[in-house]
Amino acid sequence: MVPGLIEEALRESRGVSDGTPADRTASRTIKVWDLPLRLWHWALAASVLAAWFTPTVHDRAHRIIGYAVLALLAFRLVWGVWGSRYSRFRMIGVRLRAAPRYLWNLRRGMTGRYIGLNPAGTLMLVALLLSLALSAITGALSVTTTFFGVWWIEDTHAWASDAVMVLVVLHVAGVVLMGLLQRENLIRAMFTGRKRIRGHQQGA
């Protein structure tokens, strides 16, 4: 955790919910996820869901969805560098190193409070992006003249696609669990872009 980061973010935020300065423990909200990132998130979720139900049945649609996923991944890489504060990848290395201890501490319900992604969420983000990239790239290669029918391309595509779905289930379960532990609707936060914090809490 970074001391004072929440206070700094609150100063940058234009819309903090009701709470007087005297009430330091009052629940407040802060804008975390910008609109492009939220649109990206739900567009990717819809694309992954559609891709799961279209192979062999609607091949043309499946290919188009695959190309859309590649475009969305490319956008996320760009936005991870040039996007708003909590969209950037600047803390990924730190969070990944903290992930094992963070997951271990979850056994006792120790979740900490982070404005952006916590270490477990960062680990899931990286795993999903890599699995999606592998699935989409091998899928695109499998319809080319050079790699059409090549067994290891097709098998890698199938395994990566299965891995994506497993990770999606774990992601949803993790979001629900974290929401229960922290008593916050994190799914709604990805629609509104705002997360609830308390004045006395610190995080990143």
C-alpha atoms as a PDB file:
ATOM      1  CA  MET A   1       0.000   0.000   0.000  1.00  0.00           C
ATOM      2  CA  VAL A   2       1.135   3.530  -0.748  1.00  0.00           C
ATOM      3  CA  PRO A   3       0.627   6.013   2.125  1.00  0.00           C
ATOM      4  CA  GLY A   4      -1.548   8.978   1.238  1.00  0.00           C
ATOM      5  CA  LEU A   5      -2.503   7.687  -2.214  1.00  0.00           C
ATOM      6  CA  ILE A   6      -6.206   7.694  -1.472  1.00  0.00           C
ATOM      7  CA  GLU A   7      -6.044  11.248  -0.167  1.00  0.00           C
ATOM      8  CA  GLU A   8      -4.193  12.327  -3.310  1.00  0.00           C
ATOM      9  CA  ALA A   9      -6.743  10.582  -5.497  1.00  0.00           C
ATOM     10  CA  LEU A  10      -9.573  12.238  -3.620  1.00  0.00           C
ATOM     11  CA  ARG A  11      -8.064  15.639  -4.320  1.00  0.00           C
ATOM     12  CA  GLU A  12      -7.969  14.744  -8.011  1.00  0.00           C
ATOM     13  CA  SER A  13     -11.542  13.479  -8.035  1.00  0.00           C
ATOM     14  CA  ARG A  14     -14.265  15.941  -8.969  1.00  0.00           C
ATOM     15  CA  GLY A  15     -17.153  14.000  -7.541  1.00  0.00           C
ATOM     16  CA  VAL A  16     -16.803  12.676  -4.028  1.00  0.00           C
ATOM     17  CA  SER A  17     -20.047  11.608  -2.388  1.00  0.00           C
ATOM     18  CA  ASP A  18     -21.484  13.265   0.703  1.00  0.00           C
ATOM     19  CA  GLY A  19     -19.326  13.300   3.820  1.00  0.00           C
ATOM     20  CA  THR A  20     -18.100  16.258   5.847  1.00  0.00           C
ATOM     21  CA  PRO A  21     -14.370  16.800   6.563  1.00  0.00           C
ATOM     22  CA  ALA A  22     -15.047  16.184  10.249  1.00  0.00           C
ATOM     23  CA  ASP A  23     -16.301  12.679   9.499  1.00  0.00           C
ATOM     24  CA  ARG A  24     -13.086  10.901   8.548  1.00  0.00           C
ATOM     25  CA  THR A  25     -14.703   7.442   8.514  1.00  0.00           C
ATOM     26  CA  ALA A  26     -17.614   8.412   6.275  1.00  0.00           C
ATOM     27  CA  SER A  27     -18.055   6.224   3.240  1.00  0.00           C
ATOM     28  CA  ARG A  28     -17.178   8.072   0.031  1.00  0.00           C
ATOM     29  CA  THR A  29     -16.801   7.146  -3.596  1.00  0.00           C
ATOM     30  CA  ILE A  30     -14.072   7.984  -6.054  1.00  0.00           C
ATOM     31  CA  LYS A  31     -13.895   7.706  -9.830  1.00  0.00           C
ATOM     32  CA  VAL A  32     -11.553   4.809 -10.628  1.00  0.00           C
ATOM     33  CA  TRP A  33     -12.410   3.153 -13.939  1.00  0.00           C
ATOM     34  CA  ASP A  34     -12.690   5.553 -16.877  1.00  0.00           C
ATOM     35  CA  LEU A  35     -15.329   5.144 -19.585  1.00  0.00           C
ATOM     36  CA  PRO A  36     -13.019   3.677 -22.296  1.00  0.00           C
ATOM     37  CA  LEU A  37     -11.810   1.002 -19.866  1.00  0.00           C
ATOM     38  CA  ARG A  38     -15.347   0.118 -18.805  1.00  0.00           C
ATOM     39  CA  LEU A  39     -16.495  -0.131 -22.422  1.00  0.00           C
ATOM     40  CA  TRP A  40     -13.446  -2.290 -23.177  1.00  0.00           C
ATOM     41  CA  HIS A  41     -14.212  -4.594 -20.241  1.00  0.00           C
ATOM     42  CA  TRP A  42     -17.818  -5.267 -21.216  1.00  0.00           C
ATOM     43  CA  ALA A  43     -17.056  -5.488 -24.942  1.00  0.00           C
ATOM     44  CA  LEU A  44     -14.392  -8.100 -24.191  1.00  0.00           C
ATOM     45  CA  ALA A  45     -16.746 -10.004 -21.887  1.00  0.00           C
ATOM     46  CA  ALA A  46     -19.442 -10.070 -24.594  1.00  0.00           C
ATOM     47  CA  SER A  47     -16.903 -11.137 -27.235  1.00  0.00           C
ATOM     48  CA  VAL A  48     -15.570 -14.003 -25.119  1.00  0.00           C
ATOM     49  CA  LEU A  49     -19.088 -15.225 -24.389  1.00  0.00           C
ATOM     50  CA  ALA A  50     -20.065 -15.036 -28.067  1.00  0.00           C
ATOM     51  CA  ALA A  51     -16.850 -16.765 -29.145  1.00  0.00           C
ATOM     52  CA  TRP A  52     -17.557 -19.681 -26.818  1.00  0.00           C
ATOM     53  CA  PHE A  53     -20.908 -20.439 -28.484  1.00  0.00           C
ATOM     54  CA  THR A  54     -20.010 -19.856 -32.152  1.00  0.00           C
ATOM     55  CA  PRO A  55     -17.184 -22.283 -33.169  1.00  0.00           C
ATOM     56  CA  THR A  56     -18.123 -24.953 -35.782  1.00  0.00           C
ATOM     57  CA  VAL A  57     -21.727 -23.639 -35.747  1.00  0.00           C
ATOM     58  CA  HIS A  58     -21.116 -20.083 -36.956  1.00  0.00           C
ATOM     59  CA  ASP A  59     -17.530 -20.139 -38.186  1.00  0.00           C
ATOM     60  CA  ARG A  60     -17.609 -16.782 -39.944  1.00  0.00           C
ATOM     61  CA  ALA A  61     -19.009 -15.035 -36.875  1.00  0.00           C
ATOM     62  CA  HIS A  62     -16.435 -16.835 -34.727  1.00  0.00           C
ATOM     63  CA  ARG A  63     -13.593 -15.495 -36.879  1.00  0.00           C
ATOM     64  CA  ILE A  64     -14.931 -11.953 -36.777  1.00  0.00           C
ATOM     65  CA  ILE A  65     -15.227 -12.151 -32.991  1.00  0.00           C
ATOM     66  CA  GLY A  66     -11.649 -13.419 -32.815  1.00  0.00           C
ATOM     67  CA  TYR A  67     -10.389 -10.423 -34.770  1.00  0.00           C
ATOM     68  CA  ALA A  68     -12.448  -8.144 -32.504  1.00  0.00           C
ATOM     69  CA  VAL A  69     -10.753  -9.695 -29.464  1.00  0.00           C
ATOM     70  CA  LEU A  70      -7.341  -8.993 -31.009  1.00  0.00           C
ATOM     71  CA  ALA A  71      -8.347  -5.369 -31.569  1.00  0.00           C
ATOM     72  CA  LEU A  72      -9.584  -5.079 -27.986  1.00  0.00           C
ATOM     73  CA  LEU A  73      -6.337  -6.547 -26.664  1.00  0.00           C
ATOM     74  CA  ALA A  74      -4.348  -4.073 -28.739  1.00  0.00           C
ATOM     75  CA  PHE A  75      -6.434  -1.229 -27.326  1.00  0.00           C
ATOM     76  CA  ARG A  76      -5.811  -2.447 -23.763  1.00  0.00           C
ATOM     77  CA  LEU A  77      -2.059  -2.436 -24.324  1.00  0.00           C
ATOM     78  CA  VAL A  78      -2.228   1.145 -25.579  1.00  0.00           C
ATOM     79  CA  TRP A  79      -4.547   2.203 -22.756  1.00  0.00           C
ATOM     80  CA  GLY A  80      -2.268   0.528 -20.247  1.00  0.00           C
ATOM     81  CA  VAL A  81       0.365   3.106 -21.204  1.00  0.00           C
ATOM     82  CA  TRP A  82      -1.643   6.187 -22.185  1.00  0.00           C
ATOM     83  CA  GLY A  83      -4.899   5.732 -20.300  1.00  0.00           C
ATOM     84  CA  SER A  84      -6.055   7.271 -17.038  1.00  0.00           C
ATOM     85  CA  ARG A  85      -4.273   6.624 -13.766  1.00  0.00           C
ATOM     86  CA  TYR A  86      -5.923   3.354 -12.740  1.00  0.00           C
ATOM     87  CA  SER A  87      -5.934   1.990 -16.284  1.00  0.00           C
ATOM     88  CA  ARG A  88      -2.156   2.012 -16.562  1.00  0.00           C
ATOM     89  CA  PHE A  89       0.141  -0.960 -16.076  1.00  0.00           C
ATOM     90  CA  ARG A  90       2.614   0.943 -13.895  1.00  0.00           C
ATOM     91  CA  MET A  91       1.920  -1.146 -10.762  1.00  0.00           C
ATOM     92  CA  ILE A  92       1.677  -4.582 -12.375  1.00  0.00           C
ATOM     93  CA  GLY A  93       5.136  -5.762 -11.334  1.00  0.00           C
ATOM     94  CA  VAL A  94       4.639  -4.714  -7.709  1.00  0.00           C
ATOM     95  CA  ARG A  95       1.185  -6.284  -7.524  1.00  0.00           C
ATOM     96  CA  LEU A  96       2.295  -9.554  -9.104  1.00  0.00           C
ATOM     97  CA  ARG A  97       5.088  -9.913  -6.556  1.00  0.00           C
ATOM     98  CA  ALA A  98       2.569  -9.280  -3.787  1.00  0.00           C
ATOM     99  CA  ALA A  99      -0.007 -11.735  -5.177  1.00  0.00           C
ATOM    100  CA  PRO A 100       1.178 -14.969  -3.435  1.00  0.00           C
ATOM    101  CA  ARG A 101       1.114 -13.376   0.039  1.00  0.00           C
ATOM    102  CA  TYR A 102      -2.165 -11.622  -0.749  1.00  0.00           C
ATOM    103  CA  LEU A 103      -3.836 -14.905  -1.787  1.00  0.00           C
ATOM    104  CA  TRP A 104      -2.465 -16.604   1.316  1.00  0.00           C
ATOM    105  CA  ASN A 105      -3.882 -13.883   3.556  1.00  0.00           C
ATOM    106  CA  LEU A 106      -7.325 -14.262   1.962  1.00  0.00           C
ATOM    107  CA  ARG A 107      -7.690 -17.483   3.963  1.00  0.00           C
ATOM    108  CA  ARG A 108      -8.270 -15.291   7.006  1.00  0.00           C
ATOM    109  CA  GLY A 109     -10.420 -12.761   5.171  1.00  0.00           C
ATOM    110  CA  MET A 110      -7.615 -10.185   4.977  1.00  0.00           C
ATOM    111  CA  THR A 111      -8.453  -8.342   1.768  1.00  0.00           C
ATOM    112  CA  GLY A 112      -6.820  -4.964   2.278  1.00  0.00           C
ATOM    113  CA  ARG A 113      -8.259  -1.982   0.421  1.00  0.00           C
ATOM    114  CA  TYR A 114      -7.037  -0.943  -2.998  1.00  0.00           C
ATOM    115  CA  ILE A 115      -8.379   1.849  -5.158  1.00  0.00           C
ATOM    116  CA  GLY A 116      -7.479   0.000  -8.346  1.00  0.00           C
ATOM    117  CA  LEU A 117      -6.874  -3.717  -8.821  1.00  0.00           C
ATOM    118  CA  ASN A 118      -5.639  -5.660  -5.826  1.00  0.00           C
ATOM    119  CA  PRO A 119      -2.781  -8.180  -6.318  1.00  0.00           C
ATOM    120  CA  ALA A 120      -5.196 -11.056  -7.004  1.00  0.00           C
ATOM    121  CA  GLY A 121      -7.050  -8.962  -9.577  1.00  0.00           C
ATOM    122  CA  THR A 122      -3.765  -7.990 -11.226  1.00  0.00           C
ATOM    123  CA  LEU A 123      -2.738 -11.645 -11.443  1.00  0.00           C
ATOM    124  CA  MET A 124      -6.089 -12.491 -13.027  1.00  0.00           C
ATOM    125  CA  LEU A 125      -5.776  -9.586 -15.491  1.00  0.00           C
ATOM    126  CA  VAL A 126      -2.377 -10.788 -16.699  1.00  0.00           C
ATOM    127  CA  ALA A 127      -3.500 -14.417 -16.929  1.00  0.00           C
ATOM    128  CA  LEU A 128      -6.613 -13.485 -18.894  1.00  0.00           C
ATOM    129  CA  LEU A 129      -4.793 -11.167 -21.286  1.00  0.00           C
ATOM    130  CA  LEU A 130      -2.131 -13.788 -22.030  1.00  0.00           C
ATOM    131  CA  SER A 131      -4.676 -16.596 -22.478  1.00  0.00           C
ATOM    132  CA  LEU A 132      -6.881 -14.434 -24.693  1.00  0.00           C
ATOM    133  CA  ALA A 133      -3.913 -13.364 -26.795  1.00  0.00           C
ATOM    134  CA  LEU A 134      -2.792 -16.974 -27.251  1.00  0.00           C
ATOM    135  CA  SER A 135      -6.308 -18.105 -28.122  1.00  0.00           C
ATOM    136  CA  ALA A 136      -6.975 -15.266 -30.570  1.00  0.00           C
ATOM    137  CA  ILE A 137      -3.572 -15.430 -32.289  1.00  0.00           C
ATOM    138  CA  THR A 138      -3.649 -19.209 -32.789  1.00  0.00           C
ATOM    139  CA  GLY A 139      -7.248 -18.930 -33.945  1.00  0.00           C
ATOM    140  CA  ALA A 140      -6.261 -16.355 -36.559  1.00  0.00           C
ATOM    141  CA  LEU A 141      -3.308 -18.490 -37.659  1.00  0.00           C
ATOM    142  CA  SER A 142      -5.473 -21.591 -38.014  1.00  0.00           C
ATOM    143  CA  VAL A 143      -7.415 -20.054 -40.912  1.00  0.00           C
ATOM    144  CA  THR A 144      -4.307 -19.069 -42.879  1.00  0.00           C
ATOM    145  CA  THR A 145      -2.898 -21.141 -45.735  1.00  0.00           C
ATOM    146  CA  THR A 146       0.340 -21.804 -43.883  1.00  0.00           C
ATOM    147  CA  PHE A 147      -1.121 -23.029 -40.599  1.00  0.00           C
ATOM    148  CA  PHE A 148      -4.496 -24.436 -41.627  1.00  0.00           C
ATOM    149  CA  GLY A 149      -4.838 -27.960 -40.226  1.00  0.00           C
ATOM    150  CA  VAL A 150      -1.568 -27.810 -38.263  1.00  0.00           C
ATOM    151  CA  TRP A 151      -2.277 -29.895 -35.173  1.00  0.00           C
ATOM    152  CA  TRP A 152      -0.321 -27.899 -32.603  1.00  0.00           C
ATOM    153  CA  ILE A 153      -1.941 -24.642 -33.675  1.00  0.00           C
ATOM    154  CA  GLU A 154      -5.414 -26.149 -33.368  1.00  0.00           C
ATOM    155  CA  ASP A 155      -4.638 -27.838 -30.049  1.00  0.00           C
ATOM    156  CA  THR A 156      -3.094 -24.681 -28.588  1.00  0.00           C
ATOM    157  CA  HIS A 157      -6.150 -22.709 -29.664  1.00  0.00           C
ATOM    158  CA  ALA A 158      -8.476 -25.221 -28.003  1.00  0.00           C
ATOM    159  CA  TRP A 159      -6.456 -25.369 -24.768  1.00  0.00           C
ATOM    160  CA  ALA A 160      -6.082 -21.587 -24.561  1.00  0.00           C
ATOM    161  CA  SER A 161      -9.805 -21.098 -25.188  1.00  0.00           C
ATOM    162  CA  ASP A 162     -10.662 -23.573 -22.421  1.00  0.00           C
ATOM    163  CA  ALA A 163      -8.219 -21.787 -20.115  1.00  0.00           C
ATOM    164  CA  VAL A 164      -9.941 -18.471 -20.848  1.00  0.00           C
ATOM    165  CA  MET A 165     -13.311 -19.851 -19.799  1.00  0.00           C
ATOM    166  CA  VAL A 166     -11.879 -21.350 -16.603  1.00  0.00           C
ATOM    167  CA  LEU A 167     -10.276 -18.002 -15.777  1.00  0.00           C
ATOM    168  CA  VAL A 168     -13.514 -16.148 -16.508  1.00  0.00           C
ATOM    169  CA  VAL A 169     -15.389 -18.363 -14.032  1.00  0.00           C
ATOM    170  CA  LEU A 170     -12.662 -17.813 -11.419  1.00  0.00           C
ATOM    171  CA  HIS A 171     -12.727 -14.075 -12.126  1.00  0.00           C
ATOM    172  CA  VAL A 172     -16.474 -13.800 -11.599  1.00  0.00           C
ATOM    173  CA  ALA A 173     -16.281 -15.940  -8.445  1.00  0.00           C
ATOM    174  CA  GLY A 174     -13.416 -13.792  -7.139  1.00  0.00           C
ATOM    175  CA  VAL A 175     -15.301 -10.558  -7.772  1.00  0.00           C
ATOM    176  CA  VAL A 176     -18.379 -11.887  -5.965  1.00  0.00           C
ATOM    177  CA  LEU A 177     -16.293 -13.174  -3.033  1.00  0.00           C
ATOM    178  CA  MET A 178     -14.342  -9.923  -2.718  1.00  0.00           C
ATOM    179  CA  GLY A 179     -17.572  -7.949  -2.876  1.00  0.00           C
ATOM    180  CA  LEU A 180     -18.997 -10.001  -0.016  1.00  0.00           C
ATOM    181  CA  LEU A 181     -15.841  -9.674   2.081  1.00  0.00           C
ATOM    182  CA  GLN A 182     -15.612  -5.923   1.532  1.00  0.00           C
ATOM    183  CA  ARG A 183     -19.370  -5.342   1.474  1.00  0.00           C
ATOM    184  CA  GLU A 184     -19.241  -3.568  -1.850  1.00  0.00           C
ATOM    185  CA  ASN A 185     -20.906  -4.223  -5.211  1.00  0.00           C
ATOM    186  CA  LEU A 186     -17.812  -4.494  -7.417  1.00  0.00           C
ATOM    187  CA  ILE A 187     -19.840  -5.458 -10.483  1.00  0.00           C
ATOM    188  CA  ARG A 188     -21.767  -2.197 -10.223  1.00  0.00           C
ATOM    189  CA  ALA A 189     -18.451  -0.382  -9.844  1.00  0.00           C
ATOM    190  CA  MET A 190     -17.398  -1.605 -13.280  1.00  0.00           C
ATOM    191  CA  PHE A 191     -20.585  -0.051 -14.686  1.00  0.00           C
ATOM    192  CA  THR A 192     -20.388   3.250 -12.824  1.00  0.00           C
ATOM    193  CA  GLY A 193     -16.596   3.522 -12.636  1.00  0.00           C
ATOM    194  CA  ARG A 194     -16.772   4.482  -8.964  1.00  0.00           C
ATOM    195  CA  LYS A 195     -15.568   2.615  -5.880  1.00  0.00           C
ATOM    196  CA  ARG A 196     -16.413   3.198  -2.240  1.00  0.00           C
ATOM    197  CA  ILE A 197     -13.628   4.086   0.168  1.00  0.00           C
ATOM    198  CA  ARG A 198     -13.302   5.332   3.732  1.00  0.00           C
ATOM    199  CA  GLY A 199     -11.318   8.403   4.720  1.00  0.00           C
ATOM    200  CA  HIS A 200      -9.055   6.492   7.093  1.00  0.00           C
ATOM    201  CA  GLN A 201      -8.113   3.790   4.602  1.00  0.00           C
ATOM    202  CA  GLN A 202      -4.998   3.749   2.480  1.00  0.00           C
ATOM    203  CA  GLY A 203      -4.342   1.869  -0.686  1.00  0.00           C
ATOM    204  CA  ALA A 204      -3.421   2.054  -4.344  1.00  0.00           C
END
